[in-house]
Amino acid sequence: MGETNERRGADDRGDASDRTGLKHLGDTDDGGTQGRTAISRRSILAAGVAGAASLALHRLADGAAQSGGSSGAPPAGSPKAPAPRPRTRAIRMAHLTDVHLQPELDAEAGFAACLAHVQSQKDRPELIVTGGDNVMDVFEQKQSRAETLGRLWRDTLKRECSLRVEPAIGNHDIWGWHSRSETSGDEALHGKKY
């Protein structure tokens, strides 16, 4: 209880600027805090809880209004609401992420086993979506290694998977971001051009 407003403000920010050496939004060069906008994890969580509570109250109120009040009976003289349609499935999909395919760790066999498992499900998915990091560390590899990893990924999918696959890319899938790749940036496959 005896804390000052100034101290509570420091706790809300978690003193990130002191631990990391990074300035907060609005810090001045002389160390002042004129115009500082401090966003803390606590304030973000509080806003999320408030939003969830608001949504829950709205849904409760909406449900009570649709059912004619809290009794659940429709108001006298109102038409009966149509029965809700049964839900139908739009699509069944599998999400695979962070495969990090590389030949050294026999990852091809592991990926093939994963694909076989997905395809053997009793309620088989129609689509596989990958979440990125499909191959291992292309960002720091020379072109020949990047091509080898890409070929391993494509060949394994072609050989082991009969489902439609929609891949997303992750940071490990983007060739040439690291100086070890020895790229100039002008190569056809450099960056996110593919």
N, C-alpha and C. Protein backbone atom coordinates (compact mmCIF):
# COMPACT_ATOMS: atom_id res chain seq x y z
N MET A 1 0.80 -1.19 0.00
CA MET A 1 0.00 0.00 0.00
C MET A 1 0.84 1.25 0.00
N GLY A 2 1.99 1.24 0.59
CA GLY A 2 2.79 2.43 0.73
C GLY A 2 3.57 2.80 -0.52
N GLU A 3 3.37 2.09 -1.63
CA GLU A 3 4.13 2.40 -2.84
C GLU A 3 3.69 3.72 -3.43
N THR A 4 4.61 4.39 -4.04
CA THR A 4 4.27 5.62 -4.75
C THR A 4 3.84 5.27 -6.16
N ASN A 5 3.15 6.22 -6.80
CA ASN A 5 2.73 6.00 -8.19
C ASN A 5 3.94 5.78 -9.08
N GLU A 6 5.04 6.47 -8.77
CA GLU A 6 6.24 6.33 -9.59
C GLU A 6 6.77 4.90 -9.52
N ARG A 7 6.78 4.31 -8.33
CA ARG A 7 7.29 2.96 -8.16
C ARG A 7 6.38 1.95 -8.87
N ARG A 8 5.05 2.11 -8.72
CA ARG A 8 4.13 1.20 -9.39
C ARG A 8 4.31 1.26 -10.90
N GLY A 9 4.55 2.43 -11.44
CA GLY A 9 4.79 2.57 -12.88
C GLY A 9 6.00 1.78 -13.31
N ALA A 10 7.06 1.79 -12.51
CA ALA A 10 8.26 1.03 -12.85
C ALA A 10 7.96 -0.46 -12.82
N ASP A 11 7.14 -0.91 -11.83
CA ASP A 11 6.81 -2.33 -11.77
C ASP A 11 5.97 -2.75 -12.97
N ASP A 12 5.03 -1.91 -13.38
CA ASP A 12 4.19 -2.25 -14.53
C ASP A 12 5.01 -2.44 -15.79
N ARG A 13 6.06 -1.65 -15.95
CA ARG A 13 6.92 -1.78 -17.12
C ARG A 13 7.88 -2.94 -16.96
N GLY A 14 8.07 -3.40 -15.77
CA GLY A 14 9.03 -4.45 -15.53
C GLY A 14 10.46 -3.95 -15.64
N ASP A 15 10.65 -2.64 -15.63
CA ASP A 15 11.98 -2.03 -15.76
C ASP A 15 12.76 -2.62 -16.92
N ALA A 16 12.10 -2.87 -18.03
CA ALA A 16 12.76 -3.48 -19.19
C ALA A 16 13.89 -2.62 -19.70
N SER A 17 13.75 -1.30 -19.60
CA SER A 17 14.81 -0.45 -20.12
C SER A 17 16.07 -0.58 -19.29
N ASP A 18 15.92 -0.87 -17.98
CA ASP A 18 17.09 -1.02 -17.13
C ASP A 18 17.80 -2.35 -17.39
N ARG A 19 17.04 -3.42 -17.64
CA ARG A 19 17.64 -4.74 -17.82
C ARG A 19 18.22 -4.93 -19.20
N THR A 20 17.59 -4.37 -20.21
CA THR A 20 18.01 -4.66 -21.57
C THR A 20 18.80 -3.55 -22.22
N GLY A 21 18.73 -2.36 -21.64
CA GLY A 21 19.39 -1.22 -22.26
C GLY A 21 18.59 -0.64 -23.40
N LEU A 22 17.38 -1.14 -23.62
CA LEU A 22 16.52 -0.63 -24.68
C LEU A 22 15.65 0.48 -24.14
N LYS A 23 15.38 1.46 -24.98
CA LYS A 23 14.51 2.55 -24.58
C LYS A 23 13.06 2.13 -24.75
N HIS A 24 12.20 2.74 -23.95
CA HIS A 24 10.77 2.59 -24.13
C HIS A 24 10.31 3.58 -25.18
N LEU A 25 9.18 3.28 -25.81
CA LEU A 25 8.58 4.19 -26.77
C LEU A 25 8.36 5.54 -26.10
N GLY A 26 8.88 6.59 -26.68
CA GLY A 26 8.69 7.92 -26.14
C GLY A 26 9.82 8.40 -25.25
N ASP A 27 10.82 7.57 -24.92
CA ASP A 27 11.95 8.02 -24.12
C ASP A 27 12.69 9.11 -24.87
N THR A 28 13.21 10.03 -24.13
CA THR A 28 14.01 11.09 -24.74
C THR A 28 15.47 10.73 -24.64
N ASP A 29 16.30 11.37 -25.44
CA ASP A 29 17.72 11.07 -25.44
C ASP A 29 18.39 11.39 -24.12
N ASP A 30 17.83 12.36 -23.37
CA ASP A 30 18.46 12.73 -22.10
C ASP A 30 18.00 11.85 -20.95
N GLY A 31 17.26 10.80 -21.24
CA GLY A 31 16.84 9.86 -20.19
C GLY A 31 15.50 10.21 -19.61
N GLY A 32 14.87 11.28 -20.05
CA GLY A 32 13.57 11.68 -19.54
C GLY A 32 12.48 10.76 -20.05
N THR A 33 11.31 10.93 -19.47
CA THR A 33 10.20 10.07 -19.86
C THR A 33 9.05 10.87 -20.44
N GLN A 34 9.33 12.07 -20.90
CA GLN A 34 8.28 12.90 -21.49
C GLN A 34 7.61 12.15 -22.65
N GLY A 35 6.30 11.96 -22.58
CA GLY A 35 5.59 11.30 -23.67
C GLY A 35 5.74 9.79 -23.70
N ARG A 36 6.24 9.19 -22.61
CA ARG A 36 6.45 7.74 -22.60
C ARG A 36 5.11 7.01 -22.66
N THR A 37 5.07 6.00 -23.49
CA THR A 37 3.91 5.13 -23.57
C THR A 37 4.39 3.76 -23.12
N ALA A 38 4.10 3.40 -21.88
CA ALA A 38 4.56 2.12 -21.35
C ALA A 38 3.45 1.09 -21.52
N ILE A 39 3.72 0.04 -22.23
CA ILE A 39 2.77 -1.05 -22.39
C ILE A 39 3.39 -2.25 -21.69
N SER A 40 2.69 -2.73 -20.67
CA SER A 40 3.22 -3.86 -19.91
C SER A 40 2.47 -5.14 -20.27
N ARG A 41 3.07 -6.23 -19.94
CA ARG A 41 2.41 -7.51 -20.13
C ARG A 41 1.15 -7.57 -19.29
N ARG A 42 1.21 -7.00 -18.09
CA ARG A 42 0.06 -6.96 -17.19
C ARG A 42 -1.11 -6.21 -17.82
N SER A 43 -0.83 -5.06 -18.46
CA SER A 43 -1.92 -4.29 -19.06
C SER A 43 -2.51 -5.02 -20.27
N ILE A 44 -1.68 -5.72 -21.01
CA ILE A 44 -2.19 -6.49 -22.15
C ILE A 44 -3.06 -7.65 -21.67
N LEU A 45 -2.62 -8.35 -20.61
CA LEU A 45 -3.43 -9.44 -20.05
C LEU A 45 -4.75 -8.92 -19.50
N ALA A 46 -4.71 -7.77 -18.81
CA ALA A 46 -5.94 -7.18 -18.26
C ALA A 46 -6.91 -6.82 -19.38
N ALA A 47 -6.40 -6.26 -20.46
CA ALA A 47 -7.27 -5.92 -21.59
C ALA A 47 -7.87 -7.18 -22.21
N GLY A 48 -7.10 -8.25 -22.28
CA GLY A 48 -7.61 -9.51 -22.82
C GLY A 48 -8.70 -10.10 -21.95
N VAL A 49 -8.51 -10.06 -20.62
CA VAL A 49 -9.53 -10.57 -19.70
C VAL A 49 -10.80 -9.73 -19.80
N ALA A 50 -10.64 -8.40 -19.86
CA ALA A 50 -11.80 -7.52 -19.98
C ALA A 50 -12.54 -7.79 -21.29
N GLY A 51 -11.80 -8.00 -22.37
CA GLY A 51 -12.44 -8.29 -23.65
C GLY A 51 -13.19 -9.61 -23.63
N ALA A 52 -12.58 -10.64 -23.02
CA ALA A 52 -13.23 -11.94 -22.94
C ALA A 52 -14.50 -11.86 -22.09
N ALA A 53 -14.44 -11.13 -20.97
CA ALA A 53 -15.61 -10.96 -20.11
C ALA A 53 -16.71 -10.22 -20.85
N SER A 54 -16.34 -9.20 -21.59
CA SER A 54 -17.32 -8.43 -22.36
C SER A 54 -18.00 -9.31 -23.40
N LEU A 55 -17.21 -10.12 -24.09
CA LEU A 55 -17.77 -11.02 -25.09
C LEU A 55 -18.71 -12.04 -24.45
N ALA A 56 -18.33 -12.58 -23.30
CA ALA A 56 -19.17 -13.56 -22.61
C ALA A 56 -20.49 -12.92 -22.19
N LEU A 57 -20.45 -11.71 -21.64
CA LEU A 57 -21.68 -11.02 -21.24
C LEU A 57 -22.56 -10.74 -22.45
N HIS A 58 -21.95 -10.33 -23.54
CA HIS A 58 -22.71 -10.06 -24.77
C HIS A 58 -23.41 -11.32 -25.26
N ARG A 59 -22.71 -12.43 -25.24
CA ARG A 59 -23.32 -13.69 -25.70
C ARG A 59 -24.45 -14.14 -24.77
N LEU A 60 -24.26 -13.94 -23.45
CA LEU A 60 -25.33 -14.29 -22.52
C LEU A 60 -26.56 -13.44 -22.77
N ALA A 61 -26.35 -12.14 -22.93
CA ALA A 61 -27.47 -11.23 -23.18
C ALA A 61 -28.15 -11.56 -24.50
N ASP A 62 -27.37 -11.85 -25.51
CA ASP A 62 -27.92 -12.19 -26.82
C ASP A 62 -28.73 -13.49 -26.74
N GLY A 63 -28.22 -14.46 -26.01
CA GLY A 63 -28.94 -15.73 -25.84
C GLY A 63 -30.24 -15.54 -25.09
N ALA A 64 -30.24 -14.70 -24.05
CA ALA A 64 -31.45 -14.44 -23.29
C ALA A 64 -32.48 -13.73 -24.16
N ALA A 65 -32.04 -12.79 -24.98
CA ALA A 65 -32.95 -12.06 -25.86
C ALA A 65 -33.56 -12.99 -26.90
N GLN A 66 -32.79 -13.91 -27.43
CA GLN A 66 -33.30 -14.83 -28.45
C GLN A 66 -34.26 -15.85 -27.87
N SER A 67 -34.07 -16.20 -26.61
CA SER A 67 -34.94 -17.21 -26.00
C SER A 67 -36.14 -16.58 -25.30
N GLY A 68 -36.28 -15.25 -25.38
CA GLY A 68 -37.44 -14.59 -24.79
C GLY A 68 -37.24 -14.23 -23.34
N GLY A 69 -36.06 -14.11 -22.89
CA GLY A 69 -35.80 -13.76 -21.50
C GLY A 69 -35.13 -14.89 -20.78
N SER A 70 -35.10 -14.79 -19.48
CA SER A 70 -34.36 -15.77 -18.69
C SER A 70 -35.12 -17.08 -18.53
N SER A 71 -36.47 -17.09 -18.78
CA SER A 71 -37.23 -18.32 -18.59
C SER A 71 -36.98 -19.35 -19.69
N GLY A 72 -36.51 -18.89 -20.83
CA GLY A 72 -36.26 -19.80 -21.94
C GLY A 72 -37.45 -19.97 -22.85
N ALA A 73 -38.64 -19.48 -22.44
CA ALA A 73 -39.83 -19.58 -23.27
C ALA A 73 -39.92 -18.37 -24.19
N PRO A 74 -40.33 -18.58 -25.45
CA PRO A 74 -40.48 -17.43 -26.34
C PRO A 74 -41.64 -16.55 -25.89
N PRO A 75 -41.57 -15.25 -26.14
CA PRO A 75 -42.67 -14.37 -25.75
C PRO A 75 -43.96 -14.79 -26.46
N ALA A 76 -45.09 -14.55 -25.80
CA ALA A 76 -46.39 -14.93 -26.36
C ALA A 76 -46.59 -14.26 -27.71
N GLY A 77 -47.06 -15.00 -28.68
CA GLY A 77 -47.37 -14.46 -29.99
C GLY A 77 -46.18 -14.35 -30.93
N SER A 78 -44.98 -14.69 -30.47
CA SER A 78 -43.82 -14.59 -31.36
C SER A 78 -43.68 -15.89 -32.15
N PRO A 79 -43.21 -15.78 -33.40
CA PRO A 79 -43.04 -17.00 -34.19
C PRO A 79 -41.92 -17.86 -33.60
N LYS A 80 -42.08 -19.14 -33.77
CA LYS A 80 -41.06 -20.06 -33.28
C LYS A 80 -39.82 -19.95 -34.15
N ALA A 81 -38.66 -19.86 -33.52
CA ALA A 81 -37.40 -19.75 -34.26
C ALA A 81 -37.13 -21.06 -34.99
N PRO A 82 -36.59 -20.97 -36.20
CA PRO A 82 -36.28 -22.21 -36.93
C PRO A 82 -35.19 -22.99 -36.21
N ALA A 83 -35.26 -24.28 -36.34
CA ALA A 83 -34.24 -25.14 -35.72
C ALA A 83 -32.90 -24.87 -36.39
N PRO A 84 -31.84 -24.85 -35.60
CA PRO A 84 -30.52 -24.61 -36.21
C PRO A 84 -30.16 -25.75 -37.15
N ARG A 85 -29.49 -25.38 -38.23
CA ARG A 85 -29.04 -26.39 -39.18
C ARG A 85 -27.92 -27.22 -38.56
N PRO A 86 -27.88 -28.50 -38.86
CA PRO A 86 -26.76 -29.30 -38.34
C PRO A 86 -25.45 -28.81 -38.95
N ARG A 87 -24.43 -28.84 -38.15
CA ARG A 87 -23.12 -28.41 -38.64
C ARG A 87 -22.54 -29.45 -39.59
N THR A 88 -21.91 -28.94 -40.61
CA THR A 88 -21.21 -29.82 -41.54
C THR A 88 -19.75 -29.41 -41.56
N ARG A 89 -18.91 -30.35 -41.77
CA ARG A 89 -17.48 -30.08 -41.79
C ARG A 89 -17.11 -29.36 -43.08
N ALA A 90 -16.34 -28.31 -42.94
CA ALA A 90 -15.84 -27.60 -44.12
C ALA A 90 -14.64 -28.33 -44.69
N ILE A 91 -13.71 -28.69 -43.81
CA ILE A 91 -12.50 -29.39 -44.25
C ILE A 91 -11.83 -30.01 -43.03
N ARG A 92 -11.16 -31.12 -43.23
CA ARG A 92 -10.32 -31.71 -42.18
C ARG A 92 -8.89 -31.57 -42.67
N MET A 93 -8.07 -31.00 -41.81
CA MET A 93 -6.68 -30.78 -42.22
C MET A 93 -5.74 -31.17 -41.10
N ALA A 94 -4.51 -31.44 -41.50
CA ALA A 94 -3.43 -31.71 -40.55
C ALA A 94 -2.45 -30.55 -40.63
N HIS A 95 -1.92 -30.16 -39.49
CA HIS A 95 -0.95 -29.07 -39.44
C HIS A 95 0.38 -29.63 -38.95
N LEU A 96 1.38 -29.58 -39.81
CA LEU A 96 2.72 -30.05 -39.45
C LEU A 96 3.62 -28.82 -39.40
N THR A 97 4.44 -28.73 -38.38
CA THR A 97 5.31 -27.57 -38.27
C THR A 97 6.68 -27.97 -37.76
N ASP A 98 7.66 -27.17 -38.12
CA ASP A 98 9.04 -27.34 -37.65
C ASP A 98 9.59 -28.73 -37.92
N VAL A 99 9.46 -29.18 -39.16
CA VAL A 99 10.00 -30.49 -39.56
C VAL A 99 11.53 -30.45 -39.53
N HIS A 100 12.14 -29.34 -39.96
CA HIS A 100 13.60 -29.16 -39.99
C HIS A 100 14.29 -30.34 -40.69
N LEU A 101 13.82 -30.65 -41.87
CA LEU A 101 14.33 -31.79 -42.63
C LEU A 101 15.81 -31.60 -42.99
N GLN A 102 16.60 -32.63 -42.71
CA GLN A 102 18.02 -32.64 -43.08
C GLN A 102 18.46 -34.10 -43.19
N PRO A 103 19.32 -34.40 -44.13
CA PRO A 103 19.68 -35.80 -44.35
C PRO A 103 20.53 -36.42 -43.24
N GLU A 104 21.29 -35.62 -42.52
CA GLU A 104 22.24 -36.18 -41.55
C GLU A 104 21.57 -36.93 -40.41
N LEU A 105 20.41 -36.55 -40.01
CA LEU A 105 19.76 -37.17 -38.86
C LEU A 105 18.65 -38.14 -39.28
N ASP A 106 18.72 -38.61 -40.51
CA ASP A 106 17.72 -39.52 -41.06
C ASP A 106 16.32 -38.93 -40.94
N ALA A 107 16.26 -37.61 -41.08
CA ALA A 107 14.98 -36.92 -40.96
C ALA A 107 14.02 -37.29 -42.07
N GLU A 108 14.54 -37.71 -43.21
CA GLU A 108 13.68 -38.11 -44.32
C GLU A 108 12.80 -39.29 -43.90
N ALA A 109 13.39 -40.27 -43.21
CA ALA A 109 12.61 -41.43 -42.74
C ALA A 109 11.59 -41.01 -41.69
N GLY A 110 11.99 -40.11 -40.81
CA GLY A 110 11.06 -39.62 -39.79
C GLY A 110 9.90 -38.85 -40.40
N PHE A 111 10.20 -38.02 -41.39
CA PHE A 111 9.16 -37.25 -42.07
C PHE A 111 8.23 -38.19 -42.84
N ALA A 112 8.79 -39.21 -43.47
CA ALA A 112 7.98 -40.20 -44.19
C ALA A 112 7.04 -40.92 -43.22
N ALA A 113 7.55 -41.28 -42.03
CA ALA A 113 6.72 -41.94 -41.02
C ALA A 113 5.59 -41.01 -40.56
N CYS A 114 5.90 -39.74 -40.39
CA CYS A 114 4.90 -38.76 -40.00
C CYS A 114 3.80 -38.67 -41.06
N LEU A 115 4.20 -38.57 -42.32
CA LEU A 115 3.23 -38.48 -43.41
C LEU A 115 2.38 -39.75 -43.49
N ALA A 116 3.00 -40.91 -43.28
CA ALA A 116 2.25 -42.17 -43.29
C ALA A 116 1.22 -42.19 -42.17
N HIS A 117 1.60 -41.70 -41.00
CA HIS A 117 0.68 -41.65 -39.86
C HIS A 117 -0.52 -40.74 -40.16
N VAL A 118 -0.24 -39.57 -40.70
CA VAL A 118 -1.32 -38.62 -41.04
C VAL A 118 -2.28 -39.26 -42.03
N GLN A 119 -1.75 -39.92 -43.04
CA GLN A 119 -2.58 -40.50 -44.10
C GLN A 119 -3.30 -41.77 -43.67
N SER A 120 -2.86 -42.38 -42.57
CA SER A 120 -3.49 -43.63 -42.12
C SER A 120 -4.62 -43.40 -41.12
N GLN A 121 -4.93 -42.17 -40.80
CA GLN A 121 -5.99 -41.88 -39.86
C GLN A 121 -7.33 -42.40 -40.38
N LYS A 122 -8.15 -42.91 -39.47
CA LYS A 122 -9.47 -43.40 -39.87
C LYS A 122 -10.28 -42.28 -40.53
N ASP A 123 -10.22 -41.10 -39.94
CA ASP A 123 -10.86 -39.91 -40.52
C ASP A 123 -9.75 -39.08 -41.15
N ARG A 124 -9.35 -39.49 -42.31
CA ARG A 124 -8.17 -38.93 -42.99
C ARG A 124 -8.37 -37.46 -43.38
N PRO A 125 -7.35 -36.62 -43.15
CA PRO A 125 -7.46 -35.22 -43.56
C PRO A 125 -7.44 -35.09 -45.07
N GLU A 126 -8.02 -33.98 -45.54
CA GLU A 126 -8.02 -33.68 -46.97
C GLU A 126 -6.83 -32.83 -47.37
N LEU A 127 -6.20 -32.21 -46.40
CA LEU A 127 -5.17 -31.22 -46.66
C LEU A 127 -4.14 -31.25 -45.54
N ILE A 128 -2.88 -31.05 -45.91
CA ILE A 128 -1.80 -30.84 -44.93
C ILE A 128 -1.31 -29.41 -45.12
N VAL A 129 -1.24 -28.68 -44.02
CA VAL A 129 -0.67 -27.34 -44.02
C VAL A 129 0.59 -27.40 -43.18
N THR A 130 1.70 -26.92 -43.71
CA THR A 130 2.92 -26.87 -42.91
C THR A 130 3.09 -25.46 -42.36
N GLY A 131 3.64 -25.37 -41.17
CA GLY A 131 3.76 -24.08 -40.49
C GLY A 131 5.12 -23.44 -40.61
N GLY A 132 5.96 -23.92 -41.49
CA GLY A 132 7.27 -23.31 -41.67
C GLY A 132 8.37 -24.11 -41.02
N ASP A 133 9.60 -23.67 -41.28
CA ASP A 133 10.81 -24.38 -40.86
C ASP A 133 10.75 -25.83 -41.36
N ASN A 134 10.45 -25.94 -42.64
CA ASN A 134 10.32 -27.24 -43.29
C ASN A 134 11.68 -27.92 -43.45
N VAL A 135 12.71 -27.16 -43.73
CA VAL A 135 14.07 -27.68 -43.85
C VAL A 135 14.95 -26.99 -42.82
N MET A 136 16.17 -27.49 -42.66
CA MET A 136 17.04 -27.02 -41.59
C MET A 136 18.02 -25.94 -42.05
N ASP A 137 17.87 -24.77 -41.50
CA ASP A 137 18.85 -23.68 -41.61
C ASP A 137 19.29 -23.31 -43.02
N VAL A 138 18.35 -23.23 -43.96
CA VAL A 138 18.69 -22.80 -45.32
C VAL A 138 19.25 -21.39 -45.30
N PHE A 139 18.82 -20.57 -44.33
CA PHE A 139 19.24 -19.17 -44.31
C PHE A 139 20.75 -18.99 -44.23
N GLU A 140 21.47 -19.98 -43.72
CA GLU A 140 22.92 -19.82 -43.58
C GLU A 140 23.72 -20.78 -44.47
N GLN A 141 23.05 -21.44 -45.41
CA GLN A 141 23.73 -22.44 -46.25
C GLN A 141 24.13 -21.85 -47.60
N LYS A 142 25.14 -22.46 -48.18
CA LYS A 142 25.52 -22.11 -49.56
C LYS A 142 24.45 -22.67 -50.50
N GLN A 143 24.44 -22.20 -51.73
CA GLN A 143 23.38 -22.55 -52.68
C GLN A 143 23.24 -24.06 -52.88
N SER A 144 24.35 -24.78 -53.00
CA SER A 144 24.26 -26.22 -53.27
C SER A 144 23.55 -26.95 -52.12
N ARG A 145 23.84 -26.57 -50.89
CA ARG A 145 23.19 -27.20 -49.73
C ARG A 145 21.71 -26.81 -49.69
N ALA A 146 21.41 -25.56 -49.98
CA ALA A 146 20.01 -25.11 -49.99
C ALA A 146 19.21 -25.90 -51.03
N GLU A 147 19.81 -26.11 -52.20
CA GLU A 147 19.13 -26.87 -53.25
C GLU A 147 18.94 -28.33 -52.84
N THR A 148 19.94 -28.91 -52.16
CA THR A 148 19.84 -30.29 -51.68
C THR A 148 18.68 -30.43 -50.69
N LEU A 149 18.58 -29.50 -49.75
CA LEU A 149 17.51 -29.56 -48.75
C LEU A 149 16.14 -29.37 -49.41
N GLY A 150 16.04 -28.44 -50.34
CA GLY A 150 14.77 -28.22 -51.04
C GLY A 150 14.35 -29.44 -51.84
N ARG A 151 15.31 -30.05 -52.49
CA ARG A 151 15.03 -31.26 -53.28
C ARG A 151 14.59 -32.40 -52.36
N LEU A 152 15.24 -32.56 -51.21
CA LEU A 152 14.87 -33.59 -50.25
C LEU A 152 13.43 -33.40 -49.78
N TRP A 153 13.06 -32.17 -49.50
CA TRP A 153 11.69 -31.84 -49.08
C TRP A 153 10.67 -32.20 -50.18
N ARG A 154 10.93 -31.72 -51.38
CA ARG A 154 9.99 -31.96 -52.50
C ARG A 154 9.89 -33.45 -52.84
N ASP A 155 11.03 -34.13 -52.90
CA ASP A 155 11.03 -35.54 -53.27
C ASP A 155 10.33 -36.40 -52.22
N THR A 156 10.54 -36.08 -50.94
CA THR A 156 9.89 -36.85 -49.88
C THR A 156 8.38 -36.67 -49.95
N LEU A 157 7.93 -35.44 -50.14
CA LEU A 157 6.48 -35.20 -50.27
C LEU A 157 5.91 -35.93 -51.48
N LYS A 158 6.60 -35.85 -52.60
CA LYS A 158 6.10 -36.48 -53.83
C LYS A 158 6.00 -37.99 -53.67
N ARG A 159 7.00 -38.57 -53.02
CA ARG A 159 7.07 -40.02 -52.88
C ARG A 159 6.14 -40.55 -51.78
N GLU A 160 6.00 -39.80 -50.69
CA GLU A 160 5.35 -40.32 -49.49
C GLU A 160 3.96 -39.76 -49.20
N CYS A 161 3.50 -38.79 -49.98
CA CYS A 161 2.25 -38.12 -49.62
C CYS A 161 1.31 -38.02 -50.82
N SER A 162 0.10 -38.50 -50.64
CA SER A 162 -0.91 -38.40 -51.70
C SER A 162 -1.90 -37.27 -51.43
N LEU A 163 -1.75 -36.59 -50.31
CA LEU A 163 -2.65 -35.49 -49.97
C LEU A 163 -2.14 -34.16 -50.53
N ARG A 164 -3.05 -33.22 -50.67
CA ARG A 164 -2.66 -31.85 -51.05
C ARG A 164 -1.89 -31.24 -49.88
N VAL A 165 -0.78 -30.57 -50.18
CA VAL A 165 0.05 -29.93 -49.16
C VAL A 165 0.20 -28.46 -49.51
N GLU A 166 -0.08 -27.60 -48.54
CA GLU A 166 0.10 -26.16 -48.70
C GLU A 166 1.15 -25.72 -47.68
N PRO A 167 2.38 -25.49 -48.12
CA PRO A 167 3.44 -25.14 -47.17
C PRO A 167 3.49 -23.63 -46.90
N ALA A 168 3.72 -23.30 -45.65
CA ALA A 168 4.09 -21.94 -45.28
C ALA A 168 5.60 -21.97 -45.07
N ILE A 169 6.24 -20.82 -45.18
CA ILE A 169 7.68 -20.80 -44.96
C ILE A 169 7.98 -20.15 -43.62
N GLY A 170 9.08 -20.59 -43.05
CA GLY A 170 9.56 -20.02 -41.81
C GLY A 170 10.96 -19.45 -42.03
N ASN A 171 11.54 -18.93 -40.98
CA ASN A 171 12.86 -18.30 -41.12
C ASN A 171 13.93 -19.30 -41.56
N HIS A 172 13.79 -20.57 -41.22
CA HIS A 172 14.79 -21.57 -41.62
C HIS A 172 14.70 -21.92 -43.10
N ASP A 173 13.60 -21.53 -43.75
CA ASP A 173 13.36 -21.88 -45.16
C ASP A 173 13.79 -20.80 -46.14
N ILE A 174 14.24 -19.67 -45.66
CA ILE A 174 14.54 -18.53 -46.54
C ILE A 174 16.05 -18.45 -46.75
N TRP A 175 16.47 -18.72 -47.95
CA TRP A 175 17.89 -18.81 -48.26
C TRP A 175 18.55 -17.44 -48.36
N GLY A 176 19.72 -17.36 -47.77
CA GLY A 176 20.59 -16.21 -47.97
C GLY A 176 20.54 -15.12 -46.93
N TRP A 177 19.82 -15.30 -45.84
CA TRP A 177 19.73 -14.24 -44.84
C TRP A 177 21.00 -14.09 -44.02
N HIS A 178 21.80 -15.11 -43.93
CA HIS A 178 23.00 -15.09 -43.09
C HIS A 178 24.23 -14.92 -43.98
N SER A 179 25.24 -14.27 -43.44
CA SER A 179 26.47 -14.04 -44.22
C SER A 179 27.16 -15.35 -44.60
N ARG A 180 26.96 -16.42 -43.82
CA ARG A 180 27.58 -17.71 -44.15
C ARG A 180 27.07 -18.30 -45.47
N SER A 181 25.93 -17.81 -45.94
CA SER A 181 25.39 -18.32 -47.20
C SER A 181 26.17 -17.80 -48.39
N GLU A 182 27.00 -16.80 -48.16
CA GLU A 182 27.84 -16.19 -49.20
C GLU A 182 27.01 -15.73 -50.39
N THR A 183 25.85 -15.14 -50.11
CA THR A 183 25.00 -14.63 -51.18
C THR A 183 25.22 -13.13 -51.35
N SER A 184 24.87 -12.65 -52.53
CA SER A 184 24.95 -11.21 -52.79
C SER A 184 23.58 -10.55 -52.66
N GLY A 185 22.52 -11.35 -52.68
CA GLY A 185 21.17 -10.83 -52.66
C GLY A 185 20.55 -10.76 -54.04
N ASP A 186 21.35 -10.98 -55.07
CA ASP A 186 20.86 -10.93 -56.44
C ASP A 186 20.50 -12.31 -57.00
N GLU A 187 20.74 -13.36 -56.24
CA GLU A 187 20.46 -14.72 -56.71
C GLU A 187 18.95 -14.92 -56.87
N ALA A 188 18.58 -15.77 -57.81
CA ALA A 188 17.16 -16.00 -58.12
C ALA A 188 16.38 -16.53 -56.92
N LEU A 189 16.99 -17.37 -56.10
CA LEU A 189 16.28 -17.96 -54.96
C LEU A 189 16.54 -17.24 -53.64
N HIS A 190 17.23 -16.12 -53.67
CA HIS A 190 17.56 -15.39 -52.44
C HIS A 190 16.31 -14.79 -51.81
N GLY A 191 16.20 -14.94 -50.51
CA GLY A 191 15.09 -14.32 -49.79
C GLY A 191 13.77 -15.05 -50.01
N LYS A 192 12.68 -14.29 -50.02
CA LYS A 192 11.34 -14.86 -50.12
C LYS A 192 10.78 -14.81 -51.53
N LYS A 193 11.62 -14.85 -52.54
CA LYS A 193 11.15 -14.72 -53.92
C LYS A 193 10.47 -15.97 -54.44
N TYR A 194 10.66 -17.08 -53.80
CA TYR A 194 10.07 -18.31 -54.31
C TYR A 194 8.77 -18.54 -53.64
